[in-house]
Amino acid sequence: MISLEIARKLKEAGLVWEPQKGDLVYHDEAEESFNITAGDMEDFVRATRIDKEYAYSIAIFLPRLDQLLAEIRELGYKWFMETDTERYLVRVVEIKKPNNFHVVFSDSPANAAAEALLWIYERRAATGCGLSDG
């Protein structure tokens, strides 16, 4: 699981979340995490008496490693992961521009992938390239 801090940054950077069974989300107002099962989000909405759309808007998605890597690929990057005895390395390389790459080191594979994805979002924002511009 990625850190809540990185999850917040990804949300602010533009990570779009479409709730699916098995997803993990954090709600600031409830100050707890929810694993999306058949009724968890619905239970949260009922218990707090808040609008469903608002509940989703304040939810902080904690994507799994497979979801992070899929998003990296979706945005036009290849990813490579390596490990040594103490840390994980993720290298992302833009498919259309192989000279555009970034390397991230972290304590977990998911955090490394999340940091790499965050770099992609931040780079696109800095260059004015929208996330749908490929």
Protein backbone atom coordinates (compact mmCIF):
# COMPACT_ATOMS: atom_id res chain seq x y z
CA MET A 1 0.00 0.00 0.00
CA ILE A 2 1.27 3.48 -0.84
CA SER A 3 1.63 6.15 1.80
CA LEU A 4 -1.29 8.47 2.44
CA GLU A 5 0.99 11.44 1.68
CA ILE A 6 1.80 10.16 -1.82
CA ALA A 7 -1.87 9.27 -2.40
CA ARG A 8 -2.87 12.85 -1.56
CA LYS A 9 -0.26 14.21 -3.98
CA LEU A 10 -1.49 11.90 -6.75
CA LYS A 11 -5.06 13.06 -6.22
CA GLU A 12 -3.98 16.72 -6.32
CA ALA A 13 -1.93 16.02 -9.46
CA GLY A 14 -4.97 14.66 -11.26
CA LEU A 15 -5.24 10.91 -10.68
CA VAL A 16 -8.80 10.02 -11.57
CA TRP A 17 -10.40 7.24 -9.55
CA GLU A 18 -13.37 5.18 -10.61
CA PRO A 19 -14.34 3.08 -7.55
CA GLN A 20 -14.12 -0.66 -8.02
CA LYS A 21 -14.56 -3.58 -5.69
CA GLY A 22 -11.31 -4.24 -3.82
CA ASP A 23 -10.04 -0.65 -3.94
CA LEU A 24 -8.75 0.96 -0.78
CA VAL A 25 -9.75 4.54 0.00
CA TYR A 26 -9.16 6.90 2.89
CA HIS A 27 -11.69 9.42 4.10
CA ASP A 28 -10.40 12.44 6.01
CA GLU A 29 -13.78 13.09 7.58
CA ALA A 30 -14.07 9.55 8.90
CA GLU A 31 -10.32 9.37 9.55
CA GLU A 32 -10.22 5.77 8.44
CA SER A 33 -9.60 3.58 5.43
CA PHE A 34 -12.26 1.63 3.60
CA ASN A 35 -11.74 -1.43 1.46
CA ILE A 36 -14.40 -1.21 -1.21
CA THR A 37 -16.56 -4.29 -0.94
CA ALA A 38 -20.12 -4.63 -2.05
CA GLY A 39 -21.27 -2.09 0.51
CA ASP A 40 -18.38 -0.30 2.22
CA MET A 41 -18.70 3.01 0.37
CA GLU A 42 -22.48 2.82 0.53
CA ASP A 43 -22.22 2.13 4.26
CA PHE A 44 -19.91 5.12 4.64
CA VAL A 45 -22.31 7.37 2.74
CA ARG A 46 -25.26 6.23 4.86
CA ALA A 47 -23.37 6.46 8.16
CA THR A 48 -22.13 9.99 7.54
CA ARG A 49 -25.30 11.12 5.76
CA ILE A 50 -23.33 12.81 3.02
CA ASP A 51 -23.96 12.88 -0.69
CA LYS A 52 -22.41 9.98 -2.61
CA GLU A 53 -20.63 12.27 -5.10
CA TYR A 54 -19.21 14.29 -2.22
CA ALA A 55 -18.08 11.09 -0.49
CA TYR A 56 -16.18 10.10 -3.65
CA SER A 57 -14.76 13.60 -4.07
CA ILE A 58 -13.21 13.60 -0.60
CA ALA A 59 -12.01 10.01 -0.82
CA ILE A 60 -8.28 9.55 -1.23
CA PHE A 61 -7.65 6.54 -3.45
CA LEU A 62 -4.78 4.30 -2.32
CA PRO A 63 -4.00 2.46 -5.56
CA ARG A 64 -2.39 -0.96 -5.58
CA LEU A 65 0.90 -1.60 -7.37
CA ASP A 66 -0.85 -3.15 -10.39
CA GLN A 67 -3.10 -0.10 -10.72
CA LEU A 68 -0.14 2.29 -10.54
CA LEU A 69 1.82 0.37 -13.17
CA ALA A 70 -1.25 0.19 -15.44
CA GLU A 71 -1.69 3.99 -15.18
CA ILE A 72 2.00 4.53 -16.02
CA ARG A 73 1.56 2.37 -19.14
CA GLU A 74 -1.73 4.13 -20.01
CA LEU A 75 0.07 7.49 -19.98
CA GLY A 76 2.58 6.26 -22.58
CA TYR A 77 5.47 5.06 -20.42
CA LYS A 78 7.25 1.77 -19.97
CA TRP A 79 8.29 0.86 -16.45
CA PHE A 80 11.17 -1.22 -15.15
CA MET A 81 11.48 -2.34 -11.54
CA GLU A 82 14.57 -3.54 -9.72
CA THR A 83 15.41 -4.17 -6.10
CA ASP A 84 18.43 -4.49 -3.90
CA THR A 85 18.45 -5.56 -0.27
CA GLU A 86 17.07 -2.29 1.09
CA ARG A 87 15.12 -0.41 -1.56
CA TYR A 88 13.17 -0.58 -4.78
CA LEU A 89 13.90 1.25 -7.99
CA VAL A 90 11.36 2.12 -10.64
CA ARG A 91 12.48 3.60 -13.93
CA VAL A 92 9.87 5.04 -16.27
CA VAL A 93 10.67 5.71 -19.91
CA GLU A 94 8.39 7.57 -22.30
CA ILE A 95 7.57 5.24 -25.18
CA LYS A 96 7.55 7.97 -27.86
CA LYS A 97 10.61 9.75 -26.45
CA PRO A 98 13.03 7.17 -24.95
CA ASN A 99 15.42 9.93 -23.85
CA ASN A 100 12.72 11.12 -21.46
CA PHE A 101 13.04 8.95 -18.39
CA HIS A 102 13.04 9.19 -14.62
CA VAL A 103 14.33 6.95 -11.83
CA VAL A 104 12.77 6.68 -8.36
CA PHE A 105 14.04 4.87 -5.27
CA SER A 106 11.72 3.98 -2.41
CA ASP A 107 11.17 1.60 0.49
CA SER A 108 8.40 -0.33 -1.28
CA PRO A 109 7.53 -1.19 -4.87
CA ALA A 110 4.16 0.58 -4.61
CA ASN A 111 5.66 3.81 -3.24
CA ALA A 112 8.34 3.75 -5.96
CA ALA A 113 5.70 3.30 -8.67
CA ALA A 114 3.52 6.02 -7.08
CA GLU A 115 6.45 8.46 -7.04
CA ALA A 116 7.19 7.66 -10.69
CA LEU A 117 3.54 8.27 -11.61
CA LEU A 118 3.57 11.52 -9.67
CA TRP A 119 6.64 12.61 -11.67
CA ILE A 120 4.73 11.92 -14.90
CA TYR A 121 1.75 14.01 -13.74
CA GLU A 122 3.99 16.85 -12.55
CA ARG A 123 6.04 16.82 -15.75
CA ARG A 124 2.90 17.02 -17.87
CA ALA A 125 1.57 19.89 -15.77
CA ALA A 126 4.89 21.76 -16.02
CA THR A 127 5.10 21.35 -19.79
CA GLY A 128 1.43 22.17 -20.34
CA CYS A 129 0.80 18.73 -21.79
CA GLY A 130 -2.59 17.48 -20.64
CA LEU A 131 -2.98 13.94 -19.40
CA SER A 132 -5.03 13.05 -22.45
CA ASP A 133 -2.46 14.53 -24.85
CA GLY A 134 -0.32 11.36 -24.73
